[in-house]
Structures are given as structure tokens and as C-alpha cells.
């Protein structure tokens, strides 16, 4: 298993941006796909987006599409979730998750597919 740590959450106003980071305990992102999920109070954990192993393919939930970008750093130890034009309904705990995959595998939008998870970081958007 690999350890993941999220950071960058905070309190912002509607329309602002947040950049969340997911840091791995070792250089894994050439071999692992990474997904971002979020969970609002009283709600199920939901898919936000993923980036494939190698970083060549991303996919986003309809609820955030056009406002969110997932990227990786050159050293392949960090993955970022850039969120713009934030809305109060984006308020949630944000989690990154990872799974070692083959190069041609497409990551999943299902939380159960991922094998490593971070502890989450709170993002709060005020109206």
C-alpha cells in the first residue's frame, strides 16, 4: 500500500478557487492511477475526477466538469485538484485515492476500485 496525504483545503467564498494536493509516500504516479472523491455531510462519497497512470487521460464528474482540472507534478509524487468557480455545494471533505494499474487500463469512477486512500481535506465554500 502507498500512503497518501491531502492538503490545501480551507474556507473560501463562492466564485473563488482551491488547489488541493495529494502527496504520495513515494514516487508512484507513473504506475498508479489517481482519483479524487468528495463527501458532503450526510451524503454518499462521490466521484470528482481521475487521472490515468502516465497522466495522459483525465475524466471528471458532470457536476464539476469545466471547473476542475487534475494534474501531476514532474517528480510524480504529487497530484493536484484545481477547482475554480467554487459553489457552496462543493463544500465537502475531499479525498484522493490511488491504484496500481497496467498502462492501458482506464481508471474507474467507483470508489471501491481504488486501493489506497488519504485521510481527506476539508473544503468549505461560503455563499
N, C-alpha and C. Protein backbone atom coordinates (compact mmCIF):
# COMPACT_ATOMS: atom_id res chain seq x y z
N UNK A 1 0.84 -1.18 0.00
CA UNK A 1 0.00 0.00 0.00
C UNK A 1 0.88 1.24 0.00
N UNK A 2 0.36 2.28 -0.56
CA UNK A 2 1.05 3.55 -0.56
C UNK A 2 0.27 4.51 0.31
N UNK A 3 0.98 5.37 1.02
CA UNK A 3 0.31 6.37 1.86
C UNK A 3 0.07 7.64 1.05
N UNK A 4 -1.10 8.19 1.21
CA UNK A 4 -1.49 9.41 0.52
C UNK A 4 -1.89 10.45 1.55
N UNK A 5 -1.51 11.69 1.30
CA UNK A 5 -1.88 12.78 2.20
C UNK A 5 -2.42 13.94 1.37
N UNK A 6 -3.64 14.36 1.67
CA UNK A 6 -4.22 15.51 1.00
C UNK A 6 -3.93 16.78 1.80
N UNK A 7 -3.85 17.89 1.09
CA UNK A 7 -3.67 19.18 1.73
C UNK A 7 -4.25 20.26 0.81
N UNK A 8 -4.36 21.46 1.36
CA UNK A 8 -4.81 22.59 0.56
C UNK A 8 -6.25 23.00 0.77
N UNK A 9 -6.96 22.26 1.58
CA UNK A 9 -8.34 22.64 1.84
C UNK A 9 -8.42 23.92 2.66
N UNK A 10 -9.62 24.45 2.74
CA UNK A 10 -9.81 25.66 3.52
C UNK A 10 -11.18 26.24 3.30
N UNK A 11 -11.36 27.45 3.80
CA UNK A 11 -12.62 28.17 3.68
C UNK A 11 -12.47 29.27 2.64
N UNK A 12 -13.31 29.24 1.62
CA UNK A 12 -13.27 30.25 0.57
C UNK A 12 -14.69 30.72 0.29
N UNK A 13 -14.79 31.77 -0.49
CA UNK A 13 -16.10 32.29 -0.87
C UNK A 13 -16.50 31.73 -2.23
N UNK A 14 -17.79 31.76 -2.47
CA UNK A 14 -18.30 31.33 -3.77
C UNK A 14 -17.61 32.12 -4.88
N UNK A 15 -17.22 31.40 -5.92
CA UNK A 15 -16.52 32.02 -7.03
C UNK A 15 -15.01 31.95 -6.92
N UNK A 16 -14.50 31.64 -5.74
CA UNK A 16 -13.06 31.51 -5.53
C UNK A 16 -12.54 30.18 -6.04
N UNK A 17 -11.25 29.99 -5.85
CA UNK A 17 -10.59 28.75 -6.28
C UNK A 17 -9.90 28.07 -5.11
N UNK A 18 -9.72 26.78 -5.25
CA UNK A 18 -8.91 25.99 -4.32
C UNK A 18 -8.03 25.05 -5.13
N UNK A 19 -6.83 24.85 -4.63
CA UNK A 19 -5.94 23.87 -5.25
C UNK A 19 -5.57 22.84 -4.18
N UNK A 20 -6.09 21.65 -4.34
CA UNK A 20 -5.81 20.58 -3.40
C UNK A 20 -4.65 19.75 -3.91
N UNK A 21 -3.86 19.25 -2.98
CA UNK A 21 -2.71 18.42 -3.33
C UNK A 21 -2.86 17.05 -2.72
N UNK A 22 -2.36 16.07 -3.42
CA UNK A 22 -2.30 14.69 -2.93
C UNK A 22 -0.85 14.26 -3.05
N UNK A 23 -0.22 14.04 -1.90
CA UNK A 23 1.19 13.66 -1.87
C UNK A 23 1.33 12.20 -1.51
N UNK A 24 2.11 11.48 -2.31
CA UNK A 24 2.33 10.06 -2.06
C UNK A 24 3.62 9.85 -1.27
N UNK A 25 3.69 8.72 -0.60
CA UNK A 25 4.85 8.41 0.23
C UNK A 25 6.06 8.05 -0.60
N UNK A 26 5.86 7.79 -1.87
CA UNK A 26 6.98 7.52 -2.76
C UNK A 26 6.53 7.87 -4.17
N UNK A 27 7.45 7.81 -5.11
CA UNK A 27 7.14 8.15 -6.50
C UNK A 27 6.33 7.02 -7.11
N UNK A 28 5.02 7.26 -7.24
CA UNK A 28 4.15 6.18 -7.67
C UNK A 28 3.35 6.49 -8.91
N UNK A 29 3.29 7.75 -9.28
CA UNK A 29 2.25 8.12 -10.23
C UNK A 29 2.52 7.71 -11.66
N UNK A 30 3.72 7.15 -11.92
CA UNK A 30 3.93 6.54 -13.22
C UNK A 30 3.29 5.16 -13.30
N UNK A 31 2.97 4.59 -12.13
CA UNK A 31 2.41 3.24 -12.08
C UNK A 31 1.00 3.19 -11.53
N UNK A 32 0.54 4.33 -11.01
CA UNK A 32 -0.75 4.34 -10.33
C UNK A 32 -1.69 5.34 -11.00
N UNK A 33 -2.94 4.97 -11.09
CA UNK A 33 -3.99 5.93 -11.41
C UNK A 33 -4.46 6.58 -10.12
N UNK A 34 -4.89 7.83 -10.21
CA UNK A 34 -5.33 8.57 -9.03
C UNK A 34 -6.71 9.15 -9.27
N UNK A 35 -7.56 8.98 -8.29
CA UNK A 35 -8.89 9.55 -8.35
C UNK A 35 -9.10 10.53 -7.21
N UNK A 36 -10.00 11.47 -7.43
CA UNK A 36 -10.44 12.39 -6.38
C UNK A 36 -11.93 12.14 -6.13
N UNK A 37 -12.27 12.10 -4.87
CA UNK A 37 -13.65 11.92 -4.44
C UNK A 37 -13.97 12.97 -3.38
N UNK A 38 -15.23 13.15 -3.12
CA UNK A 38 -15.62 14.07 -2.05
C UNK A 38 -16.86 13.54 -1.35
N UNK A 39 -16.99 13.96 -0.12
CA UNK A 39 -18.14 13.56 0.67
C UNK A 39 -18.65 14.73 1.48
N UNK A 40 -19.86 15.13 1.20
CA UNK A 40 -20.51 16.20 1.94
C UNK A 40 -21.25 15.60 3.14
N UNK A 41 -21.51 16.39 4.17
CA UNK A 41 -22.21 15.87 5.35
C UNK A 41 -23.53 15.22 4.99
N UNK A 42 -23.72 14.01 5.46
CA UNK A 42 -24.97 13.30 5.23
C UNK A 42 -25.14 12.73 3.85
N UNK A 43 -24.10 12.81 3.04
CA UNK A 43 -24.21 12.32 1.67
C UNK A 43 -23.20 11.21 1.40
N UNK A 44 -23.43 10.49 0.31
CA UNK A 44 -22.51 9.44 -0.10
C UNK A 44 -21.24 10.06 -0.67
N UNK A 45 -20.16 9.29 -0.61
CA UNK A 45 -18.93 9.73 -1.26
C UNK A 45 -19.16 9.71 -2.77
N UNK A 46 -18.74 10.78 -3.44
CA UNK A 46 -18.97 10.86 -4.87
C UNK A 46 -17.68 11.14 -5.63
N UNK A 47 -17.66 10.64 -6.84
CA UNK A 47 -16.53 10.79 -7.74
C UNK A 47 -16.41 12.25 -8.18
N UNK A 48 -15.18 12.75 -8.21
CA UNK A 48 -14.91 14.09 -8.72
C UNK A 48 -14.16 14.00 -10.05
N UNK A 49 -13.09 13.23 -10.08
CA UNK A 49 -12.32 13.08 -11.30
C UNK A 49 -11.18 12.10 -11.11
N UNK A 50 -10.54 11.71 -12.19
CA UNK A 50 -9.36 10.87 -12.09
C UNK A 50 -8.35 11.24 -13.16
N UNK A 51 -7.12 10.81 -12.92
CA UNK A 51 -6.05 10.94 -13.89
C UNK A 51 -5.41 9.56 -14.03
N UNK A 52 -5.16 9.16 -15.28
CA UNK A 52 -4.66 7.82 -15.52
C UNK A 52 -3.19 7.70 -15.15
N UNK A 53 -2.77 6.48 -15.00
CA UNK A 53 -1.34 6.21 -14.90
C UNK A 53 -0.67 6.84 -16.12
N UNK A 54 0.40 7.54 -15.92
CA UNK A 54 1.06 8.22 -17.02
C UNK A 54 0.53 9.62 -17.25
N UNK A 55 -0.64 9.91 -16.73
CA UNK A 55 -1.18 11.27 -16.81
C UNK A 55 -1.81 11.66 -18.14
N UNK A 56 -1.98 10.70 -19.04
CA UNK A 56 -2.46 11.07 -20.36
C UNK A 56 -3.96 11.17 -20.51
N UNK A 57 -4.68 10.76 -19.48
CA UNK A 57 -6.14 10.71 -19.61
C UNK A 57 -6.77 11.17 -18.30
N UNK A 58 -7.67 12.12 -18.41
CA UNK A 58 -8.43 12.57 -17.24
C UNK A 58 -9.92 12.47 -17.54
N UNK A 59 -10.68 12.41 -16.48
CA UNK A 59 -12.14 12.37 -16.63
C UNK A 59 -12.73 13.04 -15.40
N UNK A 60 -13.85 13.73 -15.58
CA UNK A 60 -14.44 14.48 -14.49
C UNK A 60 -15.93 14.23 -14.40
N UNK A 61 -16.43 14.34 -13.19
CA UNK A 61 -17.87 14.25 -12.98
C UNK A 61 -18.57 15.44 -13.64
N UNK A 62 -19.78 15.20 -14.08
CA UNK A 62 -20.54 16.27 -14.75
C UNK A 62 -20.72 17.48 -13.83
N UNK A 63 -20.81 17.24 -12.54
CA UNK A 63 -21.06 18.32 -11.58
C UNK A 63 -19.90 19.30 -11.47
N UNK A 64 -18.72 18.88 -11.89
CA UNK A 64 -17.55 19.75 -11.78
C UNK A 64 -16.88 20.02 -13.12
N UNK A 65 -17.34 19.36 -14.15
CA UNK A 65 -16.69 19.48 -15.46
C UNK A 65 -16.66 20.94 -15.90
N UNK A 66 -15.50 21.37 -16.39
CA UNK A 66 -15.32 22.75 -16.80
C UNK A 66 -14.80 23.65 -15.69
N UNK A 67 -14.88 23.17 -14.46
CA UNK A 67 -14.41 23.96 -13.31
C UNK A 67 -13.22 23.31 -12.61
N UNK A 68 -12.91 22.09 -12.98
CA UNK A 68 -11.90 21.31 -12.25
C UNK A 68 -10.86 20.76 -13.22
N UNK A 69 -9.62 20.75 -12.76
CA UNK A 69 -8.52 20.15 -13.54
C UNK A 69 -7.64 19.33 -12.62
N UNK A 70 -7.32 18.12 -13.04
CA UNK A 70 -6.39 17.27 -12.29
C UNK A 70 -5.08 17.23 -13.06
N UNK A 71 -3.99 17.39 -12.34
CA UNK A 71 -2.67 17.37 -12.95
C UNK A 71 -1.67 16.73 -12.00
N UNK A 72 -0.46 16.48 -12.53
CA UNK A 72 0.59 15.88 -11.70
C UNK A 72 1.84 16.74 -11.78
N UNK A 73 2.72 16.60 -10.78
CA UNK A 73 3.99 17.30 -10.85
C UNK A 73 5.01 16.43 -11.58
N UNK A 74 6.13 17.05 -11.98
CA UNK A 74 7.13 16.34 -12.78
C UNK A 74 7.76 15.19 -12.02
N UNK A 75 7.91 15.36 -10.71
CA UNK A 75 8.55 14.33 -9.91
C UNK A 75 7.63 13.15 -9.63
N UNK A 76 6.36 13.31 -9.98
CA UNK A 76 5.40 12.23 -9.90
C UNK A 76 5.16 11.76 -8.48
N UNK A 77 5.26 12.69 -7.54
CA UNK A 77 4.89 12.38 -6.16
C UNK A 77 3.65 13.12 -5.73
N UNK A 78 3.18 14.06 -6.54
CA UNK A 78 2.01 14.85 -6.16
C UNK A 78 1.01 14.92 -7.31
N UNK A 79 -0.24 14.89 -6.96
CA UNK A 79 -1.34 15.11 -7.90
C UNK A 79 -2.18 16.26 -7.36
N UNK A 80 -2.63 17.11 -8.26
CA UNK A 80 -3.34 18.31 -7.85
C UNK A 80 -4.78 18.29 -8.36
N UNK A 81 -5.65 18.88 -7.57
CA UNK A 81 -7.04 19.10 -7.97
C UNK A 81 -7.28 20.60 -7.92
N UNK A 82 -7.29 21.22 -9.08
CA UNK A 82 -7.55 22.66 -9.18
C UNK A 82 -9.05 22.86 -9.38
N UNK A 83 -9.66 23.58 -8.47
CA UNK A 83 -11.09 23.82 -8.55
C UNK A 83 -11.34 25.32 -8.64
N UNK A 84 -12.06 25.72 -9.66
CA UNK A 84 -12.38 27.12 -9.89
C UNK A 84 -13.88 27.36 -9.82
N UNK A 85 -14.25 28.62 -9.74
CA UNK A 85 -15.67 29.00 -9.70
C UNK A 85 -16.44 28.15 -8.69
N UNK A 86 -15.91 28.08 -7.50
CA UNK A 86 -16.49 27.21 -6.49
C UNK A 86 -17.87 27.67 -6.07
N UNK A 87 -18.69 26.67 -5.73
CA UNK A 87 -20.06 26.91 -5.30
C UNK A 87 -20.23 26.35 -3.89
N UNK A 88 -21.19 26.85 -3.15
CA UNK A 88 -21.42 26.29 -1.81
C UNK A 88 -21.64 24.77 -1.84
N UNK A 89 -22.23 24.26 -2.88
CA UNK A 89 -22.47 22.81 -2.97
C UNK A 89 -21.19 22.00 -3.22
N UNK A 90 -20.08 22.68 -3.40
CA UNK A 90 -18.79 21.99 -3.50
C UNK A 90 -18.20 21.73 -2.11
N UNK A 91 -18.84 22.24 -1.09
CA UNK A 91 -18.37 22.00 0.27
C UNK A 91 -18.39 20.52 0.61
N UNK A 92 -17.23 19.99 0.99
CA UNK A 92 -17.11 18.56 1.27
C UNK A 92 -15.72 18.27 1.79
N UNK A 93 -15.55 17.05 2.27
CA UNK A 93 -14.20 16.53 2.52
C UNK A 93 -13.74 15.91 1.20
N UNK A 94 -12.57 16.29 0.77
CA UNK A 94 -12.02 15.81 -0.49
C UNK A 94 -10.94 14.77 -0.22
N UNK A 95 -11.04 13.65 -0.92
CA UNK A 95 -10.12 12.54 -0.76
C UNK A 95 -9.43 12.23 -2.08
N UNK A 96 -8.14 11.88 -1.99
CA UNK A 96 -7.50 11.29 -3.16
C UNK A 96 -7.34 9.80 -2.90
N UNK A 97 -7.32 9.06 -3.99
CA UNK A 97 -7.21 7.60 -3.91
C UNK A 97 -6.35 7.13 -5.07
N UNK A 98 -5.70 5.99 -4.91
CA UNK A 98 -4.79 5.51 -5.94
C UNK A 98 -4.90 4.01 -6.09
N UNK A 99 -4.55 3.56 -7.28
CA UNK A 99 -4.48 2.12 -7.54
C UNK A 99 -3.43 1.87 -8.60
N UNK A 100 -2.60 0.87 -8.34
CA UNK A 100 -1.60 0.47 -9.32
C UNK A 100 -2.31 -0.21 -10.49
N UNK A 101 -2.00 0.21 -11.72
CA UNK A 101 -2.69 -0.33 -12.89
C UNK A 101 -1.70 -0.63 -14.00
N UNK A 102 -2.18 -1.36 -14.99
CA UNK A 102 -1.39 -1.50 -16.21
C UNK A 102 -1.56 -0.24 -17.04
N UNK A 103 -0.66 -0.02 -17.97
CA UNK A 103 -0.61 1.23 -18.70
C UNK A 103 -1.89 1.51 -19.47
N UNK A 104 -2.52 0.50 -20.00
CA UNK A 104 -3.69 0.69 -20.85
C UNK A 104 -5.01 0.69 -20.08
N UNK A 105 -4.95 0.49 -18.78
CA UNK A 105 -6.19 0.42 -18.01
C UNK A 105 -6.79 1.81 -17.83
N UNK A 106 -8.09 1.88 -17.94
CA UNK A 106 -8.77 3.14 -17.66
C UNK A 106 -9.18 3.15 -16.20
N UNK A 107 -8.88 4.22 -15.49
CA UNK A 107 -9.30 4.29 -14.10
C UNK A 107 -10.81 4.24 -13.97
N UNK A 108 -11.26 4.03 -12.75
CA UNK A 108 -12.68 3.90 -12.51
C UNK A 108 -13.25 5.11 -11.80
N UNK A 109 -14.54 5.32 -11.97
CA UNK A 109 -15.25 6.35 -11.22
C UNK A 109 -15.79 5.79 -9.90
N UNK A 110 -15.59 4.50 -9.66
CA UNK A 110 -16.10 3.85 -8.45
C UNK A 110 -15.05 3.84 -7.36
N UNK A 111 -15.44 4.24 -6.18
CA UNK A 111 -14.51 4.32 -5.05
C UNK A 111 -13.92 2.95 -4.71
N UNK A 112 -14.70 1.90 -4.87
CA UNK A 112 -14.26 0.56 -4.49
C UNK A 112 -13.08 0.08 -5.32
N UNK A 113 -12.89 0.66 -6.49
CA UNK A 113 -11.81 0.23 -7.38
C UNK A 113 -10.45 0.61 -6.81
N UNK A 114 -10.37 1.68 -6.06
CA UNK A 114 -9.11 2.20 -5.56
C UNK A 114 -8.67 1.47 -4.29
N UNK A 115 -7.36 1.34 -4.13
CA UNK A 115 -6.85 0.53 -3.01
C UNK A 115 -6.15 1.33 -1.93
N UNK A 116 -5.79 2.56 -2.21
CA UNK A 116 -5.13 3.41 -1.22
C UNK A 116 -5.88 4.73 -1.14
N UNK A 117 -6.04 5.22 0.08
CA UNK A 117 -6.80 6.45 0.30
C UNK A 117 -6.06 7.36 1.27
N UNK A 118 -6.24 8.65 1.06
CA UNK A 118 -5.78 9.62 2.03
C UNK A 118 -6.83 9.85 3.11
N UNK A 119 -6.50 10.73 4.04
CA UNK A 119 -7.40 10.97 5.16
C UNK A 119 -8.42 12.06 4.86
N UNK A 120 -8.21 12.78 3.79
CA UNK A 120 -9.16 13.80 3.38
C UNK A 120 -8.76 15.19 3.82
N UNK A 121 -9.23 16.18 3.10
CA UNK A 121 -9.03 17.58 3.46
C UNK A 121 -10.35 18.31 3.23
N UNK A 122 -10.69 19.18 4.19
CA UNK A 122 -11.98 19.86 4.14
C UNK A 122 -11.92 21.08 3.23
N UNK A 123 -12.86 21.15 2.33
CA UNK A 123 -13.03 22.36 1.54
C UNK A 123 -14.41 22.92 1.82
N UNK A 124 -14.46 24.18 2.21
CA UNK A 124 -15.73 24.82 2.55
C UNK A 124 -15.90 26.08 1.72
N UNK A 125 -17.05 26.18 1.08
CA UNK A 125 -17.34 27.33 0.22
C UNK A 125 -18.53 28.07 0.80
N UNK A 126 -18.33 29.30 1.17
CA UNK A 126 -19.41 30.11 1.74
C UNK A 126 -20.10 30.90 0.63
N UNK A 127 -21.37 31.16 0.85
CA UNK A 127 -22.13 31.89 -0.17
C UNK A 127 -22.05 33.38 0.04
